[in-house]
Amino acid sequence: MKFYVEAKVTKATETELKLSAHWPLTWRQLVKSMTIERRLDPDEVYDALGYGLTQFDDLPYEPRSAWPNLRVGDSVEVICR
């Protein structure tokens, strides 16, 4: 099962990246994996599907080196598996 989520970068250091979003509760209970698919354009309207219950939280993302140009405030599309 895949969930597509819009997340916002809330922490971006050389070694650490944190993403904030309304994460699908079903996925949170399983906590499998997440992958940043792409950075969203600043004027892009992200049309996410409703996944029922969600939980707002900041989650760490690794590897930070995969997305070295992300900055605090950037929006990204995340695939949660």
PDB file of N, CA and C in Angstrom:
ATOM      1  N   MET A   1       0.847  -1.175   0.000  1.00  0.00           N
ATOM      2  CA  MET A   1       0.000   0.000   0.000  1.00  0.00           C
ATOM      3  C   MET A   1       0.892   1.238   0.000  1.00  0.00           C
ATOM      4  N   LYS A   2       0.576   2.201  -0.853  1.00  0.00           N
ATOM      5  CA  LYS A   2       1.329   3.453  -0.944  1.00  0.00           C
ATOM      6  C   LYS A   2       0.439   4.615  -0.559  1.00  0.00           C
ATOM      7  N   PHE A   3       1.042   5.570   0.119  1.00  0.00           N
ATOM      8  CA  PHE A   3       0.388   6.823   0.446  1.00  0.00           C
ATOM      9  C   PHE A   3       1.245   7.952  -0.106  1.00  0.00           C
ATOM     10  N   TYR A   4       0.629   8.920  -0.753  1.00  0.00           N
ATOM     11  CA  TYR A   4       1.332  10.095  -1.272  1.00  0.00           C
ATOM     12  C   TYR A   4       0.989  11.277  -0.370  1.00  0.00           C
ATOM     13  N   VAL A   5       2.014  11.899   0.190  1.00  0.00           N
ATOM     14  CA  VAL A   5       1.819  12.932   1.206  1.00  0.00           C
ATOM     15  C   VAL A   5       2.636  14.172   0.850  1.00  0.00           C
ATOM     16  N   GLU A   6       2.055  15.340   1.074  1.00  0.00           N
ATOM     17  CA  GLU A   6       2.826  16.584   0.972  1.00  0.00           C
ATOM     18  C   GLU A   6       3.418  16.870   2.347  1.00  0.00           C
ATOM     19  N   ALA A   7       4.726  17.030   2.394  1.00  0.00           N
ATOM     20  CA  ALA A   7       5.409  17.318   3.660  1.00  0.00           C
ATOM     21  C   ALA A   7       6.207  18.604   3.520  1.00  0.00           C
ATOM     22  N   LYS A   8       6.454  19.246   4.648  1.00  0.00           N
ATOM     23  CA  LYS A   8       7.234  20.479   4.680  1.00  0.00           C
ATOM     24  C   LYS A   8       8.524  20.201   5.449  1.00  0.00           C
ATOM     25  N   VAL A   9       9.639  20.708   4.912  1.00  0.00           N
ATOM     26  CA  VAL A   9      10.926  20.563   5.586  1.00  0.00           C
ATOM     27  C   VAL A   9      10.945  21.508   6.783  1.00  0.00           C
ATOM     28  N   THR A  10      11.138  20.953   7.988  1.00  0.00           N
ATOM     29  CA  THR A  10      11.152  21.763   9.207  1.00  0.00           C
ATOM     30  C   THR A  10      12.542  21.853   9.826  1.00  0.00           C
ATOM     31  N   LYS A  11      13.450  20.981   9.403  1.00  0.00           N
ATOM     32  CA  LYS A  11      14.837  21.045   9.860  1.00  0.00           C
ATOM     33  C   LYS A  11      15.727  20.558   8.744  1.00  0.00           C
ATOM     34  N   ALA A  12      16.771  21.313   8.452  1.00  0.00           N
ATOM     35  CA  ALA A  12      17.691  20.941   7.379  1.00  0.00           C
ATOM     36  C   ALA A  12      19.105  21.371   7.768  1.00  0.00           C
ATOM     37  N   THR A  13      19.891  20.403   8.219  1.00  0.00           N
ATOM     38  CA  THR A  13      21.298  20.647   8.522  1.00  0.00           C
ATOM     39  C   THR A  13      22.118  19.768   7.580  1.00  0.00           C
ATOM     40  N   GLU A  14      23.423  19.808   7.712  1.00  0.00           N
ATOM     41  CA  GLU A  14      24.270  18.966   6.858  1.00  0.00           C
ATOM     42  C   GLU A  14      23.988  17.488   7.050  1.00  0.00           C
ATOM     43  N   THR A  15      23.584  17.116   8.264  1.00  0.00           N
ATOM     44  CA  THR A  15      23.414  15.700   8.586  1.00  0.00           C
ATOM     45  C   THR A  15      21.984  15.291   8.887  1.00  0.00           C
ATOM     46  N   GLU A  16      21.094  16.250   9.049  1.00  0.00           N
ATOM     47  CA  GLU A  16      19.740  15.921   9.496  1.00  0.00           C
ATOM     48  C   GLU A  16      18.678  16.620   8.656  1.00  0.00           C
ATOM     49  N   LEU A  17      17.600  15.885   8.400  1.00  0.00           N
ATOM     50  CA  LEU A  17      16.454  16.420   7.666  1.00  0.00           C
ATOM     51  C   LEU A  17      15.196  15.942   8.380  1.00  0.00           C
ATOM     52  N   LYS A  18      14.290  16.879   8.691  1.00  0.00           N
ATOM     53  CA  LYS A  18      13.017  16.511   9.305  1.00  0.00           C
ATOM     54  C   LYS A  18      11.886  17.026   8.443  1.00  0.00           C
ATOM     55  N   LEU A  19      10.854  16.190   8.326  1.00  0.00           N
ATOM     56  CA  LEU A  19       9.680  16.522   7.522  1.00  0.00           C
ATOM     57  C   LEU A  19       8.448  16.549   8.410  1.00  0.00           C
ATOM     58  N   SER A  20       7.618  17.540   8.196  1.00  0.00           N
ATOM     59  CA  SER A  20       6.391  17.711   8.957  1.00  0.00           C
ATOM     60  C   SER A  20       5.203  17.520   8.015  1.00  0.00           C
ATOM     61  N   ALA A  21       4.229  16.723   8.463  1.00  0.00           N
ATOM     62  CA  ALA A  21       3.053  16.465   7.623  1.00  0.00           C
ATOM     63  C   ALA A  21       1.947  15.821   8.450  1.00  0.00           C
ATOM     64  N   HIS A  22       0.805  15.691   7.811  1.00  0.00           N
ATOM     65  CA  HIS A  22      -0.292  14.891   8.353  1.00  0.00           C
ATOM     66  C   HIS A  22      -0.095  13.487   7.780  1.00  0.00           C
ATOM     67  N   TRP A  23       0.573  12.627   8.533  1.00  0.00           N
ATOM     68  CA  TRP A  23       0.913  11.284   8.065  1.00  0.00           C
ATOM     69  C   TRP A  23      -0.280  10.357   8.248  1.00  0.00           C
ATOM     70  N   PRO A  24      -0.562   9.488   7.261  1.00  0.00           N
ATOM     71  CA  PRO A  24      -1.670   8.536   7.391  1.00  0.00           C
ATOM     72  C   PRO A  24      -1.455   7.638   8.623  1.00  0.00           C
ATOM     73  N   LEU A  25      -2.462   7.538   9.453  1.00  0.00           N
ATOM     74  CA  LEU A  25      -2.345   6.773  10.695  1.00  0.00           C
ATOM     75  C   LEU A  25      -2.062   5.297  10.423  1.00  0.00           C
ATOM     76  N   THR A  26      -2.660   4.755   9.379  1.00  0.00           N
ATOM     77  CA  THR A  26      -2.414   3.352   9.026  1.00  0.00           C
ATOM     78  C   THR A  26      -0.926   3.130   8.772  1.00  0.00           C
ATOM     79  N   TRP A  27      -0.294   4.033   8.033  1.00  0.00           N
ATOM     80  CA  TRP A  27       1.134   3.931   7.747  1.00  0.00           C
ATOM     81  C   TRP A  27       1.956   4.143   9.012  1.00  0.00           C
ATOM     82  N   ARG A  28       1.561   5.108   9.839  1.00  0.00           N
ATOM     83  CA  ARG A  28       2.300   5.383  11.081  1.00  0.00           C
ATOM     84  C   ARG A  28       2.334   4.168  11.990  1.00  0.00           C
ATOM     85  N   GLN A  29       1.252   3.424  12.020  1.00  0.00           N
ATOM     86  CA  GLN A  29       1.209   2.235  12.878  1.00  0.00           C
ATOM     87  C   GLN A  29       2.138   1.145  12.351  1.00  0.00           C
ATOM     88  N   LEU A  30       2.342   1.124  11.046  1.00  0.00           N
ATOM     89  CA  LEU A  30       3.229   0.125  10.442  1.00  0.00           C
ATOM     90  C   LEU A  30       4.673   0.614  10.372  1.00  0.00           C
ATOM     91  N   VAL A  31       4.862   1.934  10.219  1.00  0.00           N
ATOM     92  CA  VAL A  31       6.153   2.599  10.070  1.00  0.00           C
ATOM     93  C   VAL A  31       7.117   1.776   9.220  1.00  0.00           C
ATOM     94  N   LYS A  32       6.800   1.713   7.961  1.00  0.00           N
ATOM     95  CA  LYS A  32       7.667   0.989   7.036  1.00  0.00           C
ATOM     96  C   LYS A  32       8.747   1.914   6.507  1.00  0.00           C
ATOM     97  N   SER A  33       8.493   2.610   5.417  1.00  0.00           N
ATOM     98  CA  SER A  33       9.512   3.491   4.860  1.00  0.00           C
ATOM     99  C   SER A  33       8.875   4.675   4.159  1.00  0.00           C
ATOM    100  N   MET A  34       9.702   5.694   3.913  1.00  0.00           N
ATOM    101  CA  MET A  34       9.239   6.840   3.141  1.00  0.00           C
ATOM    102  C   MET A  34      10.359   7.278   2.216  1.00  0.00           C
ATOM    103  N   THR A  35       9.948   7.785   1.063  1.00  0.00           N
ATOM    104  CA  THR A  35      10.885   8.236   0.049  1.00  0.00           C
ATOM    105  C   THR A  35      10.435   9.592  -0.457  1.00  0.00           C
ATOM    106  N   ILE A  36      11.352  10.562  -0.484  1.00  0.00           N
ATOM    107  CA  ILE A  36      11.021  11.837  -1.100  1.00  0.00           C
ATOM    108  C   ILE A  36      11.037  11.624  -2.602  1.00  0.00           C
ATOM    109  N   GLU A  37       9.925  11.906  -3.227  1.00  0.00           N
ATOM    110  CA  GLU A  37       9.786  11.736  -4.674  1.00  0.00           C
ATOM    111  C   GLU A  37      10.306  12.960  -5.427  1.00  0.00           C
ATOM    112  N   ARG A  38       9.932  14.158  -4.913  1.00  0.00           N
ATOM    113  CA  ARG A  38      10.341  15.377  -5.607  1.00  0.00           C
ATOM    114  C   ARG A  38      10.056  16.588  -4.729  1.00  0.00           C
ATOM    115  N   ARG A  39      10.735  17.683  -5.056  1.00  0.00           N
ATOM    116  CA  ARG A  39      10.444  18.964  -4.425  1.00  0.00           C
ATOM    117  C   ARG A  39       9.283  19.585  -5.192  1.00  0.00           C
ATOM    118  N   LEU A  40       8.351  20.162  -4.471  1.00  0.00           N
ATOM    119  CA  LEU A  40       7.213  20.819  -5.107  1.00  0.00           C
ATOM    120  C   LEU A  40       7.573  22.259  -5.443  1.00  0.00           C
ATOM    121  N   ASP A  41       7.062  22.751  -6.548  1.00  0.00           N
ATOM    122  CA  ASP A  41       7.245  24.157  -6.903  1.00  0.00           C
ATOM    123  C   ASP A  41       6.516  25.021  -5.875  1.00  0.00           C
ATOM    124  N   PRO A  42       7.041  26.205  -5.577  1.00  0.00           N
ATOM    125  CA  PRO A  42       6.415  27.069  -4.567  1.00  0.00           C
ATOM    126  C   PRO A  42       4.954  27.411  -4.863  1.00  0.00           C
ATOM    127  N   ASP A  43       4.586  27.513  -6.133  1.00  0.00           N
ATOM    128  CA  ASP A  43       3.206  27.871  -6.480  1.00  0.00           C
ATOM    129  C   ASP A  43       2.357  26.647  -6.824  1.00  0.00           C
ATOM    130  N   GLU A  44       2.904  25.464  -6.642  1.00  0.00           N
ATOM    131  CA  GLU A  44       2.183  24.236  -6.989  1.00  0.00           C
ATOM    132  C   GLU A  44       1.134  23.908  -5.935  1.00  0.00           C
ATOM    133  N   VAL A  45      -0.054  23.530  -6.396  1.00  0.00           N
ATOM    134  CA  VAL A  45      -1.118  23.078  -5.505  1.00  0.00           C
ATOM    135  C   VAL A  45      -1.091  21.557  -5.522  1.00  0.00           C
ATOM    136  N   TYR A  46      -0.804  20.972  -4.369  1.00  0.00           N
ATOM    137  CA  TYR A  46      -0.689  19.521  -4.271  1.00  0.00           C
ATOM    138  C   TYR A  46      -2.054  18.926  -3.988  1.00  0.00           C
ATOM    139  N   ASP A  47      -2.472  18.032  -4.838  1.00  0.00           N
ATOM    140  CA  ASP A  47      -3.790  17.414  -4.713  1.00  0.00           C
ATOM    141  C   ASP A  47      -3.631  16.022  -4.090  1.00  0.00           C
ATOM    142  N   ALA A  48      -3.601  15.977  -2.775  1.00  0.00           N
ATOM    143  CA  ALA A  48      -3.431  14.699  -2.076  1.00  0.00           C
ATOM    144  C   ALA A  48      -4.775  14.000  -1.909  1.00  0.00           C
ATOM    145  N   LEU A  49      -4.704  12.694  -1.911  1.00  0.00           N
ATOM    146  CA  LEU A  49      -5.904  11.894  -1.676  1.00  0.00           C
ATOM    147  C   LEU A  49      -6.184  11.836  -0.182  1.00  0.00           C
ATOM    148  N   GLY A  50      -7.452  11.707   0.186  1.00  0.00           N
ATOM    149  CA  GLY A  50      -7.799  11.547   1.599  1.00  0.00           C
ATOM    150  C   GLY A  50      -7.497  10.127   2.049  1.00  0.00           C
ATOM    151  N   TYR A  51      -6.755  10.004   3.121  1.00  0.00           N
ATOM    152  CA  TYR A  51      -6.384   8.679   3.620  1.00  0.00           C
ATOM    153  C   TYR A  51      -7.008   8.372   4.966  1.00  0.00           C
ATOM    154  N   GLY A  52      -8.134   8.973   5.252  1.00  0.00           N
ATOM    155  CA  GLY A  52      -8.769   8.716   6.534  1.00  0.00           C
ATOM    156  C   GLY A  52      -8.053   9.441   7.654  1.00  0.00           C
ATOM    157  N   LEU A  53      -7.868   8.761   8.760  1.00  0.00           N
ATOM    158  CA  LEU A  53      -7.243   9.361   9.927  1.00  0.00           C
ATOM    159  C   LEU A  53      -5.765   9.644   9.693  1.00  0.00           C
ATOM    160  N   THR A  54      -5.319  10.814  10.161  1.00  0.00           N
ATOM    161  CA  THR A  54      -3.917  11.196  10.029  1.00  0.00           C
ATOM    162  C   THR A  54      -3.388  11.652  11.386  1.00  0.00           C
ATOM    163  N   GLN A  55      -2.065  11.739  11.479  1.00  0.00           N
ATOM    164  CA  GLN A  55      -1.411  12.237  12.679  1.00  0.00           C
ATOM    165  C   GLN A  55      -0.349  13.237  12.246  1.00  0.00           C
ATOM    166  N   PHE A  56      -0.433  14.467  12.759  1.00  0.00           N
ATOM    167  CA  PHE A  56       0.547  15.489  12.418  1.00  0.00           C
ATOM    168  C   PHE A  56       1.793  15.277  13.265  1.00  0.00           C
ATOM    169  N   ASP A  57       2.962  15.249  12.607  1.00  0.00           N
ATOM    170  CA  ASP A  57       4.200  15.001  13.331  1.00  0.00           C
ATOM    171  C   ASP A  57       5.397  15.402  12.480  1.00  0.00           C
ATOM    172  N   ASP A  58       6.533  15.636  13.139  1.00  0.00           N
ATOM    173  CA  ASP A  58       7.828  15.820  12.485  1.00  0.00           C
ATOM    174  C   ASP A  58       8.539  14.476  12.508  1.00  0.00           C
ATOM    175  N   LEU A  59       8.990  14.024  11.351  1.00  0.00           N
ATOM    176  CA  LEU A  59       9.705  12.751  11.281  1.00  0.00           C
ATOM    177  C   LEU A  59      11.072  12.954  10.635  1.00  0.00           C
ATOM    178  N   PRO A  60      12.077  12.234  11.114  1.00  0.00           N
ATOM    179  CA  PRO A  60      13.395  12.323  10.486  1.00  0.00           C
ATOM    180  C   PRO A  60      13.387  11.628   9.134  1.00  0.00           C
ATOM    181  N   TYR A  61      14.208  12.133   8.224  1.00  0.00           N
ATOM    182  CA  TYR A  61      14.341  11.513   6.900  1.00  0.00           C
ATOM    183  C   TYR A  61      15.811  11.193   6.649  1.00  0.00           C
ATOM    184  N   GLU A  62      16.059   9.981   6.212  1.00  0.00           N
ATOM    185  CA  GLU A  62      17.419   9.556   5.868  1.00  0.00           C
ATOM    186  C   GLU A  62      17.375   8.817   4.539  1.00  0.00           C
ATOM    187  N   PRO A  63      18.372   8.926   3.717  1.00  0.00           N
ATOM    188  CA  PRO A  63      19.627   9.640   3.948  1.00  0.00           C
ATOM    189  C   PRO A  63      19.513  11.113   3.565  1.00  0.00           C
ATOM    190  N   ARG A  64      20.028  11.959   4.415  1.00  0.00           N
ATOM    191  CA  ARG A  64      20.026  13.407   4.156  1.00  0.00           C
ATOM    192  C   ARG A  64      20.798  13.719   2.881  1.00  0.00           C
ATOM    193  N   SER A  65      21.844  12.966   2.603  1.00  0.00           N
ATOM    194  CA  SER A  65      22.704  13.228   1.446  1.00  0.00           C
ATOM    195  C   SER A  65      21.982  13.062   0.115  1.00  0.00           C
ATOM    196  N   ALA A  66      20.836  12.378   0.117  1.00  0.00           N
ATOM    197  CA  ALA A  66      20.076  12.198  -1.122  1.00  0.00           C
ATOM    198  C   ALA A  66      19.409  13.500  -1.573  1.00  0.00           C
ATOM    199  N   TRP A  67      19.190  14.432  -0.644  1.00  0.00           N
ATOM    200  CA  TRP A  67      18.515  15.701  -0.948  1.00  0.00           C
ATOM    201  C   TRP A  67      19.276  16.863  -0.319  1.00  0.00           C
ATOM    202  N   PRO A  68      20.506  17.105  -0.746  1.00  0.00           N
ATOM    203  CA  PRO A  68      21.337  18.138  -0.102  1.00  0.00           C
ATOM    204  C   PRO A  68      20.841  19.565  -0.300  1.00  0.00           C
ATOM    205  N   ASN A  69      20.011  19.824  -1.313  1.00  0.00           N
ATOM    206  CA  ASN A  69      19.573  21.192  -1.607  1.00  0.00           C
ATOM    207  C   ASN A  69      18.253  21.572  -0.948  1.00  0.00           C
ATOM    208  N   LEU A  70      17.642  20.674  -0.183  1.00  0.00           N
ATOM    209  CA  LEU A  70      16.397  21.029   0.498  1.00  0.00           C
ATOM    210  C   LEU A  70      16.677  21.974   1.652  1.00  0.00           C
ATOM    211  N   ARG A  71      15.783  22.940   1.805  1.00  0.00           N
ATOM    212  CA  ARG A  71      15.911  23.950   2.856  1.00  0.00           C
ATOM    213  C   ARG A  71      14.634  23.993   3.688  1.00  0.00           C
ATOM    214  N   VAL A  72      14.731  24.542   4.884  1.00  0.00           N
ATOM    215  CA  VAL A  72      13.560  24.710   5.741  1.00  0.00           C
ATOM    216  C   VAL A  72      12.506  25.508   4.978  1.00  0.00           C
ATOM    217  N   GLY A  73      11.281  25.018   5.003  1.00  0.00           N
ATOM    218  CA  GLY A  73      10.173  25.681   4.307  1.00  0.00           C
ATOM    219  C   GLY A  73       9.848  25.065   2.965  1.00  0.00           C
ATOM    220  N   ASP A  74      10.764  24.272   2.382  1.00  0.00           N
ATOM    221  CA  ASP A  74      10.471  23.597   1.114  1.00  0.00           C
ATOM    222  C   ASP A  74       9.358  22.573   1.314  1.00  0.00           C
ATOM    223  N   SER A  75       8.530  22.407   0.301  1.00  0.00           N
ATOM    224  CA  SER A  75       7.509  21.367   0.303  1.00  0.00           C
ATOM    225  C   SER A  75       7.953  20.252  -0.623  1.00  0.00           C
ATOM    226  N   VAL A  76       7.684  19.015  -0.209  1.00  0.00           N
ATOM    227  CA  VAL A  76       8.086  17.850  -0.989  1.00  0.00           C
ATOM    228  C   VAL A  76       6.949  16.839  -1.055  1.00  0.00           C
ATOM    229  N   GLU A  77       6.977  16.038  -2.100  1.00  0.00           N
ATOM    230  CA  GLU A  77       6.042  14.916  -2.212  1.00  0.00           C
ATOM    231  C   GLU A  77       6.759  13.694  -1.661  1.00  0.00           C
ATOM    232  N   VAL A  78       6.115  13.020  -0.710  1.00  0.00           N
ATOM    233  CA  VAL A  78       6.687  11.846  -0.064  1.00  0.00           C
ATOM    234  C   VAL A  78       5.807  10.638  -0.384  1.00  0.00           C
ATOM    235  N   ILE A  79       6.441   9.533  -0.726  1.00  0.00           N
ATOM    236  CA  ILE A  79       5.723   8.271  -0.889  1.00  0.00           C
ATOM    237  C   ILE A  79       5.979   7.440   0.361  1.00  0.00           C
ATOM    238  N   CYS A  80       4.928   7.081   1.047  1.00  0.00           N
ATOM    239  CA  CYS A  80       5.017   6.256   2.240  1.00  0.00           C
ATOM    240  C   CYS A  80       4.592   4.845   1.883  1.00  0.00           C
ATOM    241  N   ARG A  81       5.470   3.902   2.187  1.00  0.00           N
ATOM    242  CA  ARG A  81       5.180   2.483   1.877  1.00  0.00           C
ATOM    243  C   ARG A  81       5.130   1.683   3.131  1.00  0.00           C
TER     244      ARG A  81
END
